[in-house]
């Protein structure tokens, strides 16, 4: 089997978990905790319908319930009262790891989410027995950061909101609040669009009789000449005006 086919097979069978978290703040070192985890599964770039979703009661460094400020609540819509009867992280850690184990995690700004996940794993390990210890994220998953992908594709890192609008998938999900499962679903749509490229090339030559529709074929030297349709005077004027607008807003255009 050649390398291209091997790559296609591995891509086809790849299990992706699109993941997002909501937290009580921005820095786990200051005692902030995860309050929601949302994951959606994709195989062969298709949503399978499998999800993992958990609300989590946050505890502070003293083991008391962490009281979130209203500014944070306004972002994700999760109140202290709503989270009061939810499980703590240690009660969901094993089922969460079982869901993501062995997958490629797709996360927007993975440094933030993985940092919180590993902090939660470390806290669990510090309180449990040695035989109950759990691994860190990179020990069980590979990670793709769509924030980095957006920089590579668009020249600078973009927010999830920007990417959703750019790829025209922002209307597919109601994001009145930035819930983890909601954002994971939106990121799945963004990821599909931002990675929608030709996955392989067939570089075999052909004479026009090859049954492979993707094969390269030589063009017959006796073919009819292509008809060249010249732009009209009005079209040339419109083109010049449009190029001028592009040049003013985005730099020197190529289409002159």
Protein backbone atom coordinates (compact mmCIF):
# COMPACT_ATOMS: atom_id res chain seq x y z
CA UNK A 1 0.00 0.00 0.00
CA UNK A 2 1.45 3.40 -0.95
CA UNK A 3 1.91 6.35 1.41
CA UNK A 4 -1.03 8.32 -0.02
CA UNK A 5 -3.44 5.44 0.55
CA UNK A 6 -2.06 4.87 4.05
CA UNK A 7 -2.65 8.55 4.84
CA UNK A 8 -6.19 8.41 3.47
CA UNK A 9 -7.01 5.35 5.59
CA UNK A 10 -5.61 6.93 8.75
CA UNK A 11 -7.56 10.15 8.10
CA UNK A 12 -10.72 8.17 7.44
CA UNK A 13 -10.50 6.29 10.73
CA UNK A 14 -9.29 9.21 12.84
CA UNK A 15 -11.44 9.93 15.87
CA UNK A 16 -11.72 13.60 16.67
CA UNK A 17 -13.14 15.04 19.85
CA UNK A 18 -14.10 18.71 19.57
CA UNK A 19 -13.81 20.04 23.11
CA UNK A 20 -14.57 23.16 25.10
CA UNK A 21 -14.73 24.04 28.78
CA UNK A 22 -16.27 26.80 30.88
CA UNK A 23 -14.54 27.90 34.06
CA UNK A 24 -14.87 30.14 37.08
CA UNK A 25 -12.07 32.41 35.83
CA UNK A 26 -8.98 32.51 33.66
CA UNK A 27 -6.20 31.14 35.88
CA UNK A 28 -6.26 27.74 37.61
CA UNK A 29 -3.25 28.81 39.69
CA UNK A 30 -5.53 31.32 41.38
CA UNK A 31 -7.93 28.58 42.38
CA UNK A 32 -10.27 28.75 39.40
CA UNK A 33 -11.99 25.52 38.36
CA UNK A 34 -13.85 23.94 35.47
CA UNK A 35 -17.65 24.21 35.70
CA UNK A 36 -18.66 22.68 32.36
CA UNK A 37 -17.16 20.28 29.82
CA UNK A 38 -18.60 19.79 26.35
CA UNK A 39 -17.35 17.35 23.72
CA UNK A 40 -18.66 16.19 20.34
CA UNK A 41 -17.25 13.25 18.41
CA UNK A 42 -16.30 13.20 14.73
CA UNK A 43 -15.08 10.26 12.65
CA UNK A 44 -14.08 10.65 9.01
CA UNK A 45 -14.93 14.37 9.35
CA UNK A 46 -18.52 13.48 10.13
CA UNK A 47 -20.36 14.18 13.39
CA UNK A 48 -21.34 10.83 14.90
CA UNK A 49 -23.96 12.17 17.30
CA UNK A 50 -21.95 11.02 20.34
CA UNK A 51 -21.29 13.73 22.90
CA UNK A 52 -19.96 14.10 26.41
CA UNK A 53 -21.39 16.86 28.57
CA UNK A 54 -21.06 17.55 32.28
CA UNK A 55 -21.78 20.43 34.63
CA UNK A 56 -19.40 20.48 37.58
CA UNK A 57 -19.68 22.04 41.04
CA UNK A 58 -16.45 24.00 41.60
CA UNK A 59 -14.61 23.82 44.88
CA UNK A 60 -12.12 26.38 46.14
CA UNK A 61 -8.73 25.64 47.71
CA UNK A 62 -10.39 25.04 51.10
CA UNK A 63 -12.82 22.52 49.67
CA UNK A 64 -15.73 24.95 49.86
CA UNK A 65 -18.02 25.78 46.94
CA UNK A 66 -16.38 28.42 44.75
CA UNK A 67 -18.58 31.50 44.44
CA UNK A 68 -18.39 32.98 40.94
CA UNK A 69 -18.57 36.68 40.28
CA UNK A 70 -21.46 38.04 38.21
CA UNK A 71 -19.10 39.05 35.40
CA UNK A 72 -18.19 35.39 34.86
CA UNK A 73 -21.79 34.24 35.18
CA UNK A 74 -22.77 36.71 32.45
CA UNK A 75 -20.43 34.97 30.04
CA UNK A 76 -21.56 31.36 30.35
CA UNK A 77 -24.89 31.75 32.16
CA UNK A 78 -24.08 29.20 34.88
CA UNK A 79 -25.03 30.47 38.32
CA UNK A 80 -23.75 29.37 41.70
CA UNK A 81 -27.24 28.10 42.55
CA UNK A 82 -27.46 26.04 39.36
CA UNK A 83 -24.12 24.32 40.03
CA UNK A 84 -24.81 23.68 43.73
CA UNK A 85 -26.19 20.14 43.23
CA UNK A 86 -23.86 19.10 40.38
CA UNK A 87 -21.07 16.52 40.79
CA UNK A 88 -17.55 17.65 41.63
CA UNK A 89 -14.76 16.96 39.16
CA UNK A 90 -13.49 13.82 40.90
CA UNK A 91 -16.91 12.22 40.33
CA UNK A 92 -16.74 12.61 36.54
CA UNK A 93 -12.99 12.40 35.87
CA UNK A 94 -12.90 8.73 34.84
CA UNK A 95 -15.87 8.86 32.48
CA UNK A 96 -14.47 12.03 30.93
CA UNK A 97 -11.06 10.45 30.33
CA UNK A 98 -12.68 7.32 28.92
CA UNK A 99 -14.49 9.48 26.35
CA UNK A 100 -11.45 11.39 25.14
CA UNK A 101 -8.78 8.68 25.46
CA UNK A 102 -6.90 7.97 22.23
CA UNK A 103 -8.62 10.73 20.26
CA UNK A 104 -7.29 13.85 18.61
CA UNK A 105 -8.63 16.77 20.59
CA UNK A 106 -9.65 19.82 18.56
CA UNK A 107 -9.72 22.88 20.83
CA UNK A 108 -9.77 26.61 20.21
CA UNK A 109 -6.96 28.04 22.34
CA UNK A 110 -5.93 24.65 23.68
CA UNK A 111 -3.43 26.18 26.12
CA UNK A 112 -6.35 27.48 28.19
CA UNK A 113 -8.54 24.35 28.20
CA UNK A 114 -5.73 21.80 28.51
CA UNK A 115 -4.18 23.91 31.27
CA UNK A 116 -7.41 23.69 33.26
CA UNK A 117 -7.87 19.99 32.48
CA UNK A 118 -4.35 19.10 33.61
CA UNK A 119 -4.81 21.22 36.74
CA UNK A 120 -7.97 19.27 37.57
CA UNK A 121 -6.18 15.97 36.88
CA UNK A 122 -3.30 17.03 39.16
CA UNK A 123 -5.69 17.98 41.96
CA UNK A 124 -7.42 14.62 41.64
CA UNK A 125 -4.10 12.78 41.76
CA UNK A 126 -2.95 14.70 44.83
CA UNK A 127 -6.03 13.63 46.77
CA UNK A 128 -6.42 10.03 45.60
CA UNK A 129 -4.61 6.74 45.96
CA UNK A 130 -1.66 5.96 43.69
CA UNK A 131 -3.61 3.26 41.85
CA UNK A 132 -6.36 5.77 41.04
CA UNK A 133 -4.07 8.36 39.47
CA UNK A 134 -5.05 9.67 36.04
CA UNK A 135 -2.76 10.75 33.18
CA UNK A 136 -2.26 14.23 31.83
CA UNK A 137 -4.01 15.21 28.60
CA UNK A 138 -1.06 14.87 26.23
CA UNK A 139 -0.38 11.37 27.58
CA UNK A 140 -3.67 10.07 26.19
CA UNK A 141 -4.56 12.44 23.33
CA UNK A 142 -3.04 14.41 20.50
CA UNK A 143 -4.12 18.05 20.30
CA UNK A 144 -4.98 20.37 17.43
CA UNK A 145 -5.35 24.03 18.34
CA UNK A 146 -7.65 25.81 15.90
CA UNK A 147 -6.37 29.16 17.21
CA UNK A 148 -2.99 28.23 15.71
CA UNK A 149 -4.65 26.84 12.58
CA UNK A 150 -6.47 30.14 12.11
CA UNK A 151 -3.14 32.00 12.32
CA UNK A 152 -1.62 29.69 9.71
CA UNK A 153 -4.63 29.96 7.40
CA UNK A 154 -5.62 33.61 7.85
CA UNK A 155 -2.39 35.32 8.88
CA UNK A 156 -3.31 36.04 12.50
CA UNK A 157 -5.09 34.17 15.31
CA UNK A 158 -8.86 34.63 15.21
CA UNK A 159 -11.58 34.20 17.82
CA UNK A 160 -14.17 31.47 17.48
CA UNK A 161 -16.82 34.13 16.87
CA UNK A 162 -14.79 35.58 14.00
CA UNK A 163 -14.18 32.16 12.44
CA UNK A 164 -17.85 31.23 12.72
CA UNK A 165 -18.80 34.38 10.81
CA UNK A 166 -15.93 34.00 8.33
CA UNK A 167 -16.94 30.45 7.44
CA UNK A 168 -20.65 31.34 7.61
CA UNK A 169 -21.60 28.78 10.24
CA UNK A 170 -22.48 31.26 12.99
CA UNK A 171 -26.22 30.80 12.46
CA UNK A 172 -26.06 27.03 12.92
CA UNK A 173 -25.87 27.23 16.73
CA UNK A 174 -27.69 29.47 19.21
CA UNK A 175 -24.95 31.09 21.30
CA UNK A 176 -26.92 33.36 23.61
CA UNK A 177 -24.55 31.98 26.23
CA UNK A 178 -21.11 30.52 25.60
CA UNK A 179 -21.86 27.04 26.90
CA UNK A 180 -19.15 24.39 26.52
CA UNK A 181 -21.25 21.93 24.50
CA UNK A 182 -22.66 24.73 22.35
CA UNK A 183 -19.20 26.09 21.60
CA UNK A 184 -17.86 22.60 20.90
CA UNK A 185 -20.64 22.07 18.36
CA UNK A 186 -19.88 25.41 16.71
CA UNK A 187 -16.16 24.66 16.64
CA UNK A 188 -16.91 21.35 14.91
CA UNK A 189 -18.63 23.23 12.07
CA UNK A 190 -15.75 25.73 11.91
CA UNK A 191 -13.17 22.94 11.86
CA UNK A 192 -14.89 21.19 8.97
CA UNK A 193 -14.87 24.38 6.92
CA UNK A 194 -11.37 25.57 7.77
CA UNK A 195 -9.85 22.18 6.90
CA UNK A 196 -11.96 21.58 3.78
CA UNK A 197 -9.13 20.90 1.35
CA UNK A 198 -8.24 18.26 -1.18
CA UNK A 199 -6.91 15.47 1.00
CA UNK A 200 -4.76 13.71 -1.59
CA UNK A 201 -3.37 13.86 -5.09
CA UNK A 202 -3.22 11.07 -7.65
CA UNK A 203 -0.09 11.76 -9.67
CA UNK A 204 -0.44 8.87 -12.10
CA UNK A 205 -0.51 9.81 -15.79
CA UNK A 206 -3.17 8.68 -18.21
CA UNK A 207 -4.11 8.76 -21.86
CA UNK A 208 -7.79 9.48 -21.38
CA UNK A 209 -8.81 5.83 -21.10
CA UNK A 210 -7.84 5.45 -17.44
CA UNK A 211 -10.91 4.60 -15.34
CA UNK A 212 -9.60 6.67 -12.46
CA UNK A 213 -11.40 10.02 -12.70
CA UNK A 214 -8.66 11.69 -10.64
CA UNK A 215 -5.78 10.62 -12.86
CA UNK A 216 -3.83 13.22 -14.83
CA UNK A 217 -4.60 13.03 -18.56
CA UNK A 218 -2.70 14.43 -21.50
CA UNK A 219 -4.65 16.90 -23.59
CA UNK A 220 -4.90 15.92 -27.25
CA UNK A 221 -2.85 18.12 -29.60
CA UNK A 222 -5.72 17.97 -32.14
CA UNK A 223 -8.30 19.39 -29.76
CA UNK A 224 -10.33 22.43 -30.82
CA UNK A 225 -8.91 25.77 -29.76
CA UNK A 226 -10.53 27.32 -26.73
CA UNK A 227 -12.70 30.32 -27.42
CA UNK A 228 -11.36 33.48 -25.79
CA UNK A 229 -14.04 35.88 -24.60
CA UNK A 230 -12.67 39.37 -24.09
CA UNK A 231 -14.06 41.71 -21.46
CA UNK A 232 -16.23 44.54 -22.67
CA UNK A 233 -15.27 48.18 -22.14
CA UNK A 234 -17.82 48.50 -19.32
CA UNK A 235 -16.49 45.36 -17.66
CA UNK A 236 -12.91 46.69 -17.85
CA UNK A 237 -13.99 49.92 -16.18
CA UNK A 238 -15.86 48.01 -13.45
CA UNK A 239 -12.82 45.79 -12.93
CA UNK A 240 -10.50 48.78 -12.57
CA UNK A 241 -12.83 50.40 -10.04
CA UNK A 242 -13.09 47.20 -8.03
CA UNK A 243 -9.32 46.67 -7.97
CA UNK A 244 -8.92 50.25 -6.75
CA UNK A 245 -11.26 49.53 -3.81
CA UNK A 246 -9.34 46.35 -2.96
CA UNK A 247 -6.06 48.23 -3.15
CA UNK A 248 -7.33 50.93 -0.81
CA UNK A 249 -8.62 48.47 1.82
CA UNK A 250 -6.25 45.53 1.62
CA UNK A 251 -2.98 46.46 -0.07
CA UNK A 252 -1.64 46.04 -3.58
CA UNK A 253 -3.94 43.58 -5.42
CA UNK A 254 -2.72 40.87 -7.78
CA UNK A 255 -5.55 41.30 -10.31
CA UNK A 256 -4.44 44.25 -12.39
